[in-house]
Amino acid sequence: MARYRYLAQEAVVGLRRNPLMTIAMVLTVALSLVLLGASLLLGSQVRLAAGDWYGKIEVSIFLCDGRQCEAISPEQREDIRAKLTEDPLVAEVFYESKTEAYERFKEQFSDQPELVASVGPEDLPESFRVKLHDPEQFAAIYDRFSAYPGVEEVVDQREFLKQFFAVTDKMKVASFATALVLLVISSLLITNTIVISAHARREQTGIMKLVGASNWYIRLPFVVEAIFAGVVGALLSWLLLLVAVPAFVRGLAAYIQFMPFIGVGEVVGYGPLLLLAGVVIATVSSLIALQFYLDV
């Protein structure tokens, strides 16, 4: 019991001796772990959206209306409908007339009245919207219908999603790289703090060595000091994410209603990982400082 009391007392002494360094150490750890947590949560958001969107992906088969190609006849339209209905790759087929396409266009761009006013039903093509059993089979549908009489264009919605996910992937990489840089800075700051703390107590540690104290007994208070900063920084980062992420998601959900969003559960789920990261970076940094920079 006396040993644990000694460890706690020495750790507190070290933290109180350099309050500014301690605060800087905690804040740097917290900021780096916030960015690390943000990159992990962004990955969860992308996976959630991808799973939802890919399940709803449709292939759009736009029909000729006489502008780019000869207008489709009723017989050709019904022939395409029949071929799609019979195709084993197709799960569902929806026909959308020019009027229906225009109504959907007005709904999608209701916040841009000038754009809606510049477009009429005659400007939008009629189409078949096709849902496949397996969205990866788009190429087969494209090959079968792209040159079909009355078909102007076959569009796979996955291409739009790929562009979106490409942007989010870059955001994930950037935030993760920034988090790694800050983790390295946190490690250096912890190392420097431990070096300063040990240097200030060099007479005390020297006496302890003379009376036979082991190196680990001397080092442990410094390790505990670093772990305390790592734990506080991790808890602070977790708290910031718990406050910021749900608020940010609610704001996005108000404008983007067609996409599922992560919630508090995902933030809570990453908490132990952030705590572990804080403890590991603090422990490793303190051990490096004591092993390579100090004779204790």
C-alpha atoms as a PDB file:
ATOM      1  CA  MET A   1       0.000   0.000   0.000  1.00  0.00           C
ATOM      2  CA  ALA A   2       2.873   2.356   0.848  1.00  0.00           C
ATOM      3  CA  ARG A   3       4.381   1.674  -2.564  1.00  0.00           C
ATOM      4  CA  TYR A   4       1.195   2.724  -4.376  1.00  0.00           C
ATOM      5  CA  ARG A   5       0.929   5.812  -2.200  1.00  0.00           C
ATOM      6  CA  TYR A   6       4.499   6.710  -3.105  1.00  0.00           C
ATOM      7  CA  LEU A   7       3.806   6.289  -6.829  1.00  0.00           C
ATOM      8  CA  ALA A   8       0.712   8.493  -6.645  1.00  0.00           C
ATOM      9  CA  GLN A   9       2.456  11.178  -4.590  1.00  0.00           C
ATOM     10  CA  GLU A  10       5.476  11.336  -6.889  1.00  0.00           C
ATOM     11  CA  ALA A  11       3.286  11.471  -9.999  1.00  0.00           C
ATOM     12  CA  VAL A  12       1.278  14.345  -8.511  1.00  0.00           C
ATOM     13  CA  VAL A  13       4.502  16.155  -7.596  1.00  0.00           C
ATOM     14  CA  GLY A  14       5.765  15.819 -11.154  1.00  0.00           C
ATOM     15  CA  LEU A  15       2.519  17.069 -12.658  1.00  0.00           C
ATOM     16  CA  ARG A  16       2.282  20.040 -10.271  1.00  0.00           C
ATOM     17  CA  ARG A  17       5.928  20.967 -10.774  1.00  0.00           C
ATOM     18  CA  ASN A  18       5.408  21.669 -14.503  1.00  0.00           C
ATOM     19  CA  PRO A  19       1.717  22.691 -14.823  1.00  0.00           C
ATOM     20  CA  LEU A  20       2.106  24.429 -18.188  1.00  0.00           C
ATOM     21  CA  MET A  21       3.939  21.456 -19.683  1.00  0.00           C
ATOM     22  CA  THR A  22       1.319  19.124 -18.234  1.00  0.00           C
ATOM     23  CA  ILE A  23      -1.535  21.147 -19.722  1.00  0.00           C
ATOM     24  CA  ALA A  24       0.239  21.331 -23.090  1.00  0.00           C
ATOM     25  CA  MET A  25       0.810  17.572 -22.972  1.00  0.00           C
ATOM     26  CA  VAL A  26      -2.856  16.834 -22.188  1.00  0.00           C
ATOM     27  CA  LEU A  27      -4.183  19.215 -24.856  1.00  0.00           C
ATOM     28  CA  THR A  28      -1.849  17.881 -27.550  1.00  0.00           C
ATOM     29  CA  VAL A  29      -2.855  14.305 -26.792  1.00  0.00           C
ATOM     30  CA  ALA A  30      -6.523  15.341 -26.801  1.00  0.00           C
ATOM     31  CA  LEU A  31      -6.279  17.171 -30.127  1.00  0.00           C
ATOM     32  CA  SER A  32      -4.424  14.332 -31.827  1.00  0.00           C
ATOM     33  CA  LEU A  33      -6.967  11.794 -30.559  1.00  0.00           C
ATOM     34  CA  VAL A  34      -9.885  14.012 -31.639  1.00  0.00           C
ATOM     35  CA  LEU A  35      -8.526  13.942 -35.186  1.00  0.00           C
ATOM     36  CA  LEU A  36      -7.870  10.213 -34.947  1.00  0.00           C
ATOM     37  CA  GLY A  37     -11.413   9.644 -33.687  1.00  0.00           C
ATOM     38  CA  ALA A  38     -12.827  11.926 -36.405  1.00  0.00           C
ATOM     39  CA  SER A  39     -11.058   9.927 -39.128  1.00  0.00           C
ATOM     40  CA  LEU A  40     -12.381   6.650 -37.661  1.00  0.00           C
ATOM     41  CA  LEU A  41     -15.916   8.058 -37.403  1.00  0.00           C
ATOM     42  CA  LEU A  42     -15.738   9.359 -40.960  1.00  0.00           C
ATOM     43  CA  GLY A  43     -14.829   5.853 -42.061  1.00  0.00           C
ATOM     44  CA  SER A  44     -17.855   4.493 -40.192  1.00  0.00           C
ATOM     45  CA  GLN A  45     -20.067   7.112 -41.826  1.00  0.00           C
ATOM     46  CA  VAL A  46     -18.817   6.229 -45.304  1.00  0.00           C
ATOM     47  CA  ARG A  47     -19.360   2.509 -44.694  1.00  0.00           C
ATOM     48  CA  LEU A  48     -22.878   3.171 -43.379  1.00  0.00           C
ATOM     49  CA  ALA A  49     -23.795   5.365 -46.344  1.00  0.00           C
ATOM     50  CA  ALA A  50     -22.213   2.962 -48.834  1.00  0.00           C
ATOM     51  CA  GLY A  51     -24.137   0.004 -47.439  1.00  0.00           C
ATOM     52  CA  ASP A  52     -27.407   1.930 -47.609  1.00  0.00           C
ATOM     53  CA  TRP A  53     -26.847   3.533 -51.011  1.00  0.00           C
ATOM     54  CA  TYR A  54     -25.506   0.489 -52.784  1.00  0.00           C
ATOM     55  CA  GLY A  55     -28.594  -1.377 -51.679  1.00  0.00           C
ATOM     56  CA  LYS A  56     -30.751   1.292 -53.362  1.00  0.00           C
ATOM     57  CA  ILE A  57     -28.676   1.798 -56.507  1.00  0.00           C
ATOM     58  CA  GLU A  58     -30.598   2.021 -59.749  1.00  0.00           C
ATOM     59  CA  VAL A  59     -29.570   1.927 -63.381  1.00  0.00           C
ATOM     60  CA  SER A  60     -31.213   4.696 -65.385  1.00  0.00           C
ATOM     61  CA  ILE A  61     -32.075   3.886 -69.005  1.00  0.00           C
ATOM     62  CA  PHE A  62     -32.911   7.208 -70.655  1.00  0.00           C
ATOM     63  CA  LEU A  63     -35.136   7.002 -73.729  1.00  0.00           C
ATOM     64  CA  CYS A  64     -34.792   9.001 -76.947  1.00  0.00           C
ATOM     65  CA  ASP A  65     -37.050  12.037 -77.238  1.00  0.00           C
ATOM     66  CA  GLY A  66     -36.082  13.211 -80.736  1.00  0.00           C
ATOM     67  CA  ARG A  67     -33.288  15.619 -79.796  1.00  0.00           C
ATOM     68  CA  GLN A  68     -30.212  13.409 -79.618  1.00  0.00           C
ATOM     69  CA  CYS A  69     -31.751  10.443 -81.414  1.00  0.00           C
ATOM     70  CA  GLU A  70     -34.986   9.446 -83.099  1.00  0.00           C
ATOM     71  CA  ALA A  71     -37.902   9.573 -80.667  1.00  0.00           C
ATOM     72  CA  ILE A  72     -38.839   6.211 -79.215  1.00  0.00           C
ATOM     73  CA  SER A  73     -42.089   4.635 -80.348  1.00  0.00           C
ATOM     74  CA  PRO A  74     -44.665   3.128 -77.975  1.00  0.00           C
ATOM     75  CA  GLU A  75     -43.857  -0.327 -79.348  1.00  0.00           C
ATOM     76  CA  GLN A  76     -40.124   0.122 -78.648  1.00  0.00           C
ATOM     77  CA  ARG A  77     -40.885   1.375 -75.127  1.00  0.00           C
ATOM     78  CA  GLU A  78     -43.018  -1.663 -74.332  1.00  0.00           C
ATOM     79  CA  ASP A  79     -40.430  -3.970 -75.876  1.00  0.00           C
ATOM     80  CA  ILE A  80     -37.729  -2.531 -73.574  1.00  0.00           C
ATOM     81  CA  ARG A  81     -40.059  -2.867 -70.569  1.00  0.00           C
ATOM     82  CA  ALA A  82     -40.713  -6.522 -71.428  1.00  0.00           C
ATOM     83  CA  LYS A  83     -37.027  -7.296 -71.925  1.00  0.00           C
ATOM     84  CA  LEU A  84     -36.139  -5.700 -68.589  1.00  0.00           C
ATOM     85  CA  THR A  85     -38.939  -7.495 -66.746  1.00  0.00           C
ATOM     86  CA  GLU A  86     -37.796 -10.856 -68.123  1.00  0.00           C
ATOM     87  CA  ASP A  87     -34.089 -10.227 -67.425  1.00  0.00           C
ATOM     88  CA  PRO A  88     -32.868 -12.431 -64.513  1.00  0.00           C
ATOM     89  CA  LEU A  89     -30.452  -9.694 -63.387  1.00  0.00           C
ATOM     90  CA  VAL A  90     -33.290  -7.212 -62.823  1.00  0.00           C
ATOM     91  CA  ALA A  91     -35.079  -7.045 -59.477  1.00  0.00           C
ATOM     92  CA  GLU A  92     -37.502  -4.183 -60.200  1.00  0.00           C
ATOM     93  CA  VAL A  93     -38.371  -1.869 -63.099  1.00  0.00           C
ATOM     94  CA  PHE A  94     -39.936   1.596 -62.777  1.00  0.00           C
ATOM     95  CA  TYR A  95     -41.048   3.696 -65.735  1.00  0.00           C
ATOM     96  CA  GLU A  96     -40.766   7.455 -65.301  1.00  0.00           C
ATOM     97  CA  SER A  97     -42.492   9.749 -67.791  1.00  0.00           C
ATOM     98  CA  LYS A  98     -41.372  13.279 -68.637  1.00  0.00           C
ATOM     99  CA  THR A  99     -44.015  14.697 -66.314  1.00  0.00           C
ATOM    100  CA  GLU A 100     -42.940  12.424 -63.445  1.00  0.00           C
ATOM    101  CA  ALA A 101     -39.297  13.282 -64.074  1.00  0.00           C
ATOM    102  CA  TYR A 102     -40.175  16.971 -63.919  1.00  0.00           C
ATOM    103  CA  GLU A 103     -42.090  16.549 -60.636  1.00  0.00           C
ATOM    104  CA  ARG A 104     -39.124  14.755 -59.113  1.00  0.00           C
ATOM    105  CA  PHE A 105     -36.803  17.462 -60.440  1.00  0.00           C
ATOM    106  CA  LYS A 106     -38.921  20.178 -58.803  1.00  0.00           C
ATOM    107  CA  GLU A 107     -38.865  18.314 -55.505  1.00  0.00           C
ATOM    108  CA  GLN A 108     -35.092  17.798 -55.590  1.00  0.00           C
ATOM    109  CA  PHE A 109     -34.353  21.437 -56.435  1.00  0.00           C
ATOM    110  CA  SER A 110     -37.177  23.105 -54.529  1.00  0.00           C
ATOM    111  CA  ASP A 111     -34.640  25.420 -52.883  1.00  0.00           C
ATOM    112  CA  GLN A 112     -33.519  26.736 -56.310  1.00  0.00           C
ATOM    113  CA  PRO A 113     -36.681  28.258 -57.863  1.00  0.00           C
ATOM    114  CA  GLU A 114     -34.745  29.967 -60.662  1.00  0.00           C
ATOM    115  CA  LEU A 115     -33.380  26.630 -61.849  1.00  0.00           C
ATOM    116  CA  VAL A 116     -36.820  25.019 -61.670  1.00  0.00           C
ATOM    117  CA  ALA A 117     -38.332  27.918 -63.630  1.00  0.00           C
ATOM    118  CA  SER A 118     -35.778  27.447 -66.427  1.00  0.00           C
ATOM    119  CA  VAL A 119     -36.704  23.791 -66.982  1.00  0.00           C
ATOM    120  CA  GLY A 120     -39.931  22.301 -68.300  1.00  0.00           C
ATOM    121  CA  PRO A 121     -41.234  18.725 -68.608  1.00  0.00           C
ATOM    122  CA  GLU A 122     -40.175  18.651 -72.256  1.00  0.00           C
ATOM    123  CA  ASP A 123     -36.551  19.224 -71.253  1.00  0.00           C
ATOM    124  CA  LEU A 124     -36.304  16.033 -69.207  1.00  0.00           C
ATOM    125  CA  PRO A 125     -36.167  12.561 -70.782  1.00  0.00           C
ATOM    126  CA  GLU A 126     -38.430   9.703 -69.909  1.00  0.00           C
ATOM    127  CA  SER A 127     -36.629   6.696 -68.516  1.00  0.00           C
ATOM    128  CA  PHE A 128     -36.704   3.254 -66.999  1.00  0.00           C
ATOM    129  CA  ARG A 129     -35.173   3.101 -63.528  1.00  0.00           C
ATOM    130  CA  VAL A 130     -33.900  -0.401 -62.952  1.00  0.00           C
ATOM    131  CA  LYS A 131     -32.891  -1.991 -59.659  1.00  0.00           C
ATOM    132  CA  LEU A 132     -30.571  -4.974 -60.003  1.00  0.00           C
ATOM    133  CA  HIS A 133     -30.219  -7.995 -57.762  1.00  0.00           C
ATOM    134  CA  ASP A 134     -26.484  -7.305 -57.816  1.00  0.00           C
ATOM    135  CA  PRO A 135     -25.431  -3.686 -58.601  1.00  0.00           C
ATOM    136  CA  GLU A 136     -22.060  -5.000 -59.761  1.00  0.00           C
ATOM    137  CA  GLN A 137     -23.804  -6.499 -62.817  1.00  0.00           C
ATOM    138  CA  PHE A 138     -24.280  -3.074 -64.402  1.00  0.00           C
ATOM    139  CA  ALA A 139     -21.909  -3.890 -67.268  1.00  0.00           C
ATOM    140  CA  ALA A 140     -24.154  -6.728 -68.448  1.00  0.00           C
ATOM    141  CA  ILE A 141     -27.220  -4.465 -68.485  1.00  0.00           C
ATOM    142  CA  TYR A 142     -25.241  -1.754 -70.255  1.00  0.00           C
ATOM    143  CA  ASP A 143     -24.116  -4.168 -72.963  1.00  0.00           C
ATOM    144  CA  ARG A 144     -27.653  -5.402 -73.519  1.00  0.00           C
ATOM    145  CA  PHE A 145     -29.483  -2.069 -73.680  1.00  0.00           C
ATOM    146  CA  SER A 146     -27.043   0.750 -74.551  1.00  0.00           C
ATOM    147  CA  ALA A 147     -27.450   0.140 -78.306  1.00  0.00           C
ATOM    148  CA  TYR A 148     -31.092  -0.905 -78.092  1.00  0.00           C
ATOM    149  CA  PRO A 149     -33.476   0.981 -80.436  1.00  0.00           C
ATOM    150  CA  GLY A 150     -35.034   3.939 -78.629  1.00  0.00           C
ATOM    151  CA  VAL A 151     -32.368   4.080 -75.878  1.00  0.00           C
ATOM    152  CA  GLU A 152     -30.355   7.289 -75.623  1.00  0.00           C
ATOM    153  CA  GLU A 153     -28.138   6.519 -72.639  1.00  0.00           C
ATOM    154  CA  VAL A 154     -27.631   3.979 -69.860  1.00  0.00           C
ATOM    155  CA  VAL A 155     -26.296   5.495 -66.623  1.00  0.00           C
ATOM    156  CA  ASP A 156     -25.001   3.689 -63.576  1.00  0.00           C
ATOM    157  CA  GLN A 157     -25.507   5.663 -60.354  1.00  0.00           C
ATOM    158  CA  ARG A 158     -22.446   3.980 -58.877  1.00  0.00           C
ATOM    159  CA  GLU A 159     -20.241   6.385 -60.831  1.00  0.00           C
ATOM    160  CA  PHE A 160     -21.671   9.321 -58.897  1.00  0.00           C
ATOM    161  CA  LEU A 161     -21.195   7.462 -55.630  1.00  0.00           C
ATOM    162  CA  LYS A 162     -17.605   6.610 -56.518  1.00  0.00           C
ATOM    163  CA  GLN A 163     -16.850  10.312 -56.939  1.00  0.00           C
ATOM    164  CA  PHE A 164     -18.415  11.064 -53.556  1.00  0.00           C
ATOM    165  CA  PHE A 165     -16.546   8.255 -51.823  1.00  0.00           C
ATOM    166  CA  ALA A 166     -13.290   9.307 -53.505  1.00  0.00           C
ATOM    167  CA  VAL A 167     -13.620  12.716 -51.842  1.00  0.00           C
ATOM    168  CA  THR A 168     -14.454  11.218 -48.443  1.00  0.00           C
ATOM    169  CA  ASP A 169     -11.529   8.802 -48.750  1.00  0.00           C
ATOM    170  CA  LYS A 170      -9.185  11.746 -49.258  1.00  0.00           C
ATOM    171  CA  MET A 171     -10.697  13.440 -46.215  1.00  0.00           C
ATOM    172  CA  LYS A 172     -10.135  10.287 -44.150  1.00  0.00           C
ATOM    173  CA  VAL A 173      -6.508  10.021 -45.269  1.00  0.00           C
ATOM    174  CA  ALA A 174      -5.866  13.713 -44.546  1.00  0.00           C
ATOM    175  CA  SER A 175      -7.388  13.597 -41.055  1.00  0.00           C
ATOM    176  CA  PHE A 176      -5.625  10.324 -40.229  1.00  0.00           C
ATOM    177  CA  ALA A 177      -2.276  11.685 -41.430  1.00  0.00           C
ATOM    178  CA  THR A 178      -2.776  14.857 -39.377  1.00  0.00           C
ATOM    179  CA  ALA A 179      -3.658  12.742 -36.358  1.00  0.00           C
ATOM    180  CA  LEU A 180      -0.462  10.711 -36.782  1.00  0.00           C
ATOM    181  CA  VAL A 181       1.642  13.876 -36.997  1.00  0.00           C
ATOM    182  CA  LEU A 182       0.016  15.220 -33.823  1.00  0.00           C
ATOM    183  CA  LEU A 183       0.523  11.879 -32.086  1.00  0.00           C
ATOM    184  CA  VAL A 184       4.223  12.105 -32.888  1.00  0.00           C
ATOM    185  CA  ILE A 185       4.260  15.672 -31.524  1.00  0.00           C
ATOM    186  CA  SER A 186       2.405  14.435 -28.418  1.00  0.00           C
ATOM    187  CA  SER A 187       4.996  11.713 -27.979  1.00  0.00           C
ATOM    188  CA  LEU A 188       7.863  14.203 -28.246  1.00  0.00           C
ATOM    189  CA  LEU A 189       6.143  16.564 -25.814  1.00  0.00           C
ATOM    190  CA  ILE A 190       5.579  13.759 -23.297  1.00  0.00           C
ATOM    191  CA  THR A 191       9.200  12.664 -23.698  1.00  0.00           C
ATOM    192  CA  ASN A 192      10.428  16.212 -23.123  1.00  0.00           C
ATOM    193  CA  THR A 193       8.176  16.645 -20.076  1.00  0.00           C
ATOM    194  CA  ILE A 194       9.447  13.421 -18.511  1.00  0.00           C
ATOM    195  CA  VAL A 195      13.060  14.447 -19.170  1.00  0.00           C
ATOM    196  CA  ILE A 196      12.478  17.822 -17.458  1.00  0.00           C
ATOM    197  CA  SER A 197      10.636  16.211 -14.567  1.00  0.00           C
ATOM    198  CA  ALA A 198      13.365  13.602 -14.035  1.00  0.00           C
ATOM    199  CA  HIS A 199      16.104  16.234 -14.296  1.00  0.00           C
ATOM    200  CA  ALA A 200      14.402  18.311 -11.566  1.00  0.00           C
ATOM    201  CA  ARG A 201      14.376  15.250  -9.305  1.00  0.00           C
ATOM    202  CA  ARG A 202      17.856  13.976 -10.165  1.00  0.00           C
ATOM    203  CA  GLU A 203      19.142  14.350  -6.570  1.00  0.00           C
ATOM    204  CA  GLN A 204      16.190  12.379  -5.220  1.00  0.00           C
ATOM    205  CA  THR A 205      16.599   9.610  -7.783  1.00  0.00           C
ATOM    206  CA  GLY A 206      20.344   9.535  -7.144  1.00  0.00           C
ATOM    207  CA  ILE A 207      19.786   8.971  -3.419  1.00  0.00           C
ATOM    208  CA  MET A 208      17.255   6.225  -4.165  1.00  0.00           C
ATOM    209  CA  LYS A 209      19.791   4.447  -6.350  1.00  0.00           C
ATOM    210  CA  LEU A 210      22.391   4.680  -3.595  1.00  0.00           C
ATOM    211  CA  VAL A 211      20.070   2.991  -1.099  1.00  0.00           C
ATOM    212  CA  GLY A 212      19.394   0.146  -3.528  1.00  0.00           C
ATOM    213  CA  ALA A 213      16.101   1.084  -5.207  1.00  0.00           C
ATOM    214  CA  SER A 214      15.614  -0.702  -8.536  1.00  0.00           C
ATOM    215  CA  ASN A 215      15.484   1.211 -11.806  1.00  0.00           C
ATOM    216  CA  TRP A 216      11.831   0.259 -12.294  1.00  0.00           C
ATOM    217  CA  TYR A 217      10.891   1.519  -8.839  1.00  0.00           C
ATOM    218  CA  ILE A 218      12.500   4.851  -9.699  1.00  0.00           C
ATOM    219  CA  ARG A 219      10.957   5.027 -13.163  1.00  0.00           C
ATOM    220  CA  LEU A 220       7.380   4.092 -12.313  1.00  0.00           C
ATOM    221  CA  PRO A 221       6.314   7.530 -10.949  1.00  0.00           C
ATOM    222  CA  PHE A 222       7.387   9.139 -14.232  1.00  0.00           C
ATOM    223  CA  VAL A 223       5.479   6.504 -16.239  1.00  0.00           C
ATOM    224  CA  VAL A 224       2.387   7.036 -14.068  1.00  0.00           C
ATOM    225  CA  GLU A 225       2.717  10.782 -14.633  1.00  0.00           C
ATOM    226  CA  ALA A 226       2.719  10.284 -18.413  1.00  0.00           C
ATOM    227  CA  ILE A 227      -0.145   7.769 -18.320  1.00  0.00           C
ATOM    228  CA  PHE A 228      -2.230  10.218 -16.286  1.00  0.00           C
ATOM    229  CA  ALA A 229      -1.751  12.875 -18.983  1.00  0.00           C
ATOM    230  CA  GLY A 230      -2.559  10.328 -21.694  1.00  0.00           C
ATOM    231  CA  VAL A 231      -5.751   9.181 -19.960  1.00  0.00           C
ATOM    232  CA  VAL A 232      -6.950  12.739 -19.298  1.00  0.00           C
ATOM    233  CA  GLY A 233      -6.200  13.704 -22.907  1.00  0.00           C
ATOM    234  CA  ALA A 234      -8.071  10.638 -24.207  1.00  0.00           C
ATOM    235  CA  LEU A 235     -11.102  11.323 -21.990  1.00  0.00           C
ATOM    236  CA  LEU A 236     -11.113  14.955 -23.078  1.00  0.00           C
ATOM    237  CA  SER A 237     -11.012  13.964 -26.756  1.00  0.00           C
ATOM    238  CA  TRP A 238     -13.846  11.484 -26.187  1.00  0.00           C
ATOM    239  CA  LEU A 239     -15.937  14.157 -24.463  1.00  0.00           C
ATOM    240  CA  LEU A 240     -15.325  16.619 -27.309  1.00  0.00           C
ATOM    241  CA  LEU A 241     -16.401  14.032 -29.884  1.00  0.00           C
ATOM    242  CA  LEU A 242     -19.500  13.116 -27.853  1.00  0.00           C
ATOM    243  CA  VAL A 243     -20.544  16.769 -27.866  1.00  0.00           C
ATOM    244  CA  ALA A 244     -19.463  17.803 -31.357  1.00  0.00           C
ATOM    245  CA  VAL A 245     -20.315  14.804 -33.545  1.00  0.00           C
ATOM    246  CA  PRO A 246     -24.047  14.473 -32.694  1.00  0.00           C
ATOM    247  CA  ALA A 247     -24.513  18.245 -33.075  1.00  0.00           C
ATOM    248  CA  PHE A 248     -22.704  18.226 -36.432  1.00  0.00           C
ATOM    249  CA  VAL A 249     -24.679  15.199 -37.632  1.00  0.00           C
ATOM    250  CA  ARG A 250     -28.007  16.789 -36.659  1.00  0.00           C
ATOM    251  CA  GLY A 251     -27.083  19.858 -38.693  1.00  0.00           C
ATOM    252  CA  LEU A 252     -26.220  17.757 -41.748  1.00  0.00           C
ATOM    253  CA  ALA A 253     -29.298  15.565 -41.398  1.00  0.00           C
ATOM    254  CA  ALA A 254     -31.509  18.649 -41.611  1.00  0.00           C
ATOM    255  CA  TYR A 255     -30.169  19.335 -45.120  1.00  0.00           C
ATOM    256  CA  ILE A 256     -29.287  15.836 -46.341  1.00  0.00           C
ATOM    257  CA  GLN A 257     -32.331  13.694 -45.660  1.00  0.00           C
ATOM    258  CA  PHE A 258     -31.547  10.855 -48.058  1.00  0.00           C
ATOM    259  CA  MET A 259     -28.469   9.585 -46.203  1.00  0.00           C
ATOM    260  CA  PRO A 260     -28.236   7.614 -42.956  1.00  0.00           C
ATOM    261  CA  PHE A 261     -25.903   9.071 -40.337  1.00  0.00           C
ATOM    262  CA  ILE A 262     -23.876   7.665 -37.474  1.00  0.00           C
ATOM    263  CA  GLY A 263     -25.014   8.487 -33.954  1.00  0.00           C
ATOM    264  CA  VAL A 264     -23.803   8.651 -30.378  1.00  0.00           C
ATOM    265  CA  GLY A 265     -23.395   4.869 -30.304  1.00  0.00           C
ATOM    266  CA  GLU A 266     -20.515   4.970 -32.790  1.00  0.00           C
ATOM    267  CA  VAL A 267     -18.763   7.714 -30.799  1.00  0.00           C
ATOM    268  CA  VAL A 268     -19.186   5.729 -27.577  1.00  0.00           C
ATOM    269  CA  GLY A 269     -17.886   2.620 -29.324  1.00  0.00           C
ATOM    270  CA  TYR A 270     -14.602   4.293 -30.244  1.00  0.00           C
ATOM    271  CA  GLY A 271     -14.059   5.604 -26.693  1.00  0.00           C
ATOM    272  CA  PRO A 272     -12.092   2.573 -25.403  1.00  0.00           C
ATOM    273  CA  LEU A 273      -9.890   2.679 -28.497  1.00  0.00           C
ATOM    274  CA  LEU A 274      -9.054   6.349 -27.901  1.00  0.00           C
ATOM    275  CA  LEU A 275      -8.356   5.605 -24.244  1.00  0.00           C
ATOM    276  CA  LEU A 276      -6.058   2.748 -25.216  1.00  0.00           C
ATOM    277  CA  ALA A 277      -4.283   4.964 -27.739  1.00  0.00           C
ATOM    278  CA  GLY A 278      -3.734   7.640 -25.095  1.00  0.00           C
ATOM    279  CA  VAL A 279      -2.314   5.153 -22.608  1.00  0.00           C
ATOM    280  CA  VAL A 280      -0.070   3.487 -25.184  1.00  0.00           C
ATOM    281  CA  ILE A 281       1.387   6.724 -26.579  1.00  0.00           C
ATOM    282  CA  ALA A 282       2.029   8.025 -23.056  1.00  0.00           C
ATOM    283  CA  THR A 283       3.584   4.790 -21.803  1.00  0.00           C
ATOM    284  CA  VAL A 284       5.828   4.289 -24.810  1.00  0.00           C
ATOM    285  CA  SER A 285       6.966   7.928 -24.793  1.00  0.00           C
ATOM    286  CA  SER A 286       7.827   7.870 -21.096  1.00  0.00           C
ATOM    287  CA  LEU A 287       9.736   4.593 -21.401  1.00  0.00           C
ATOM    288  CA  ILE A 288      11.701   5.930 -24.364  1.00  0.00           C
ATOM    289  CA  ALA A 289      12.579   9.054 -22.389  1.00  0.00           C
ATOM    290  CA  LEU A 290      13.711   7.073 -19.359  1.00  0.00           C
ATOM    291  CA  GLN A 291      15.551   4.417 -21.330  1.00  0.00           C
ATOM    292  CA  PHE A 292      17.482   6.500 -23.837  1.00  0.00           C
ATOM    293  CA  TYR A 293      17.724   9.978 -22.380  1.00  0.00           C
ATOM    294  CA  LEU A 294      18.089   9.443 -18.623  1.00  0.00           C
ATOM    295  CA  ASP A 295      20.361   7.379 -16.471  1.00  0.00           C
ATOM    296  CA  VAL A 296      17.583   6.018 -14.271  1.00  0.00           C
END
